[in-house]
């Protein structure tokens, strides 16, 4: 599993299993989030992992996450980068991924942020698949998940509506800020 999907799987509490994702061709969200390092650079704790974040480019909304992976040969530092975008007051984290054919795509999560807490809501792959197969949502099913088609405002509204069940609202991943 590549580094990009690994972090997203960790954030999605899928560390022990196979990980599929909902991909987009471009980062989800129409506005780059200008990052304040005082708000974003920190060490965060969840039930599964401790992650340290560093703002790499505040004006591009680029943040790095780093964590330690325990391996048979010893511990290793892992890192990935995410682009933060917003649509209105909704925040998304987008991690660049390159598939086996060399095509760039992005794995994404919805983020709710407060000064001491990050809450991640992952897409519900089965729900997206059902809507795509019914012709109600643009996209296609692929071997490692779903690739969404061109999204319009109505689709973004659906993604963020709890009634659509496109996000796993009842099973968020929560990180608590434990250090600056």
Foldseek 3Di string as FASTA:
>chain_A
DDLQQCVVCVQVVNNPHAAFFEKEQDDPADAFQQDDQLQFAFWWDFPRFIWGKDAPHRVQQKIKIWTWDQDPVGIDIGMFIWTWHHHVPKIKTWTWDADPVRRIITGMWTWDDDSFKIKTWGFDQVLVVVCVVVVNFAWDADDRGIYGDDDDPVNVVLCPDVVSSRTVPVRITMITGDTD
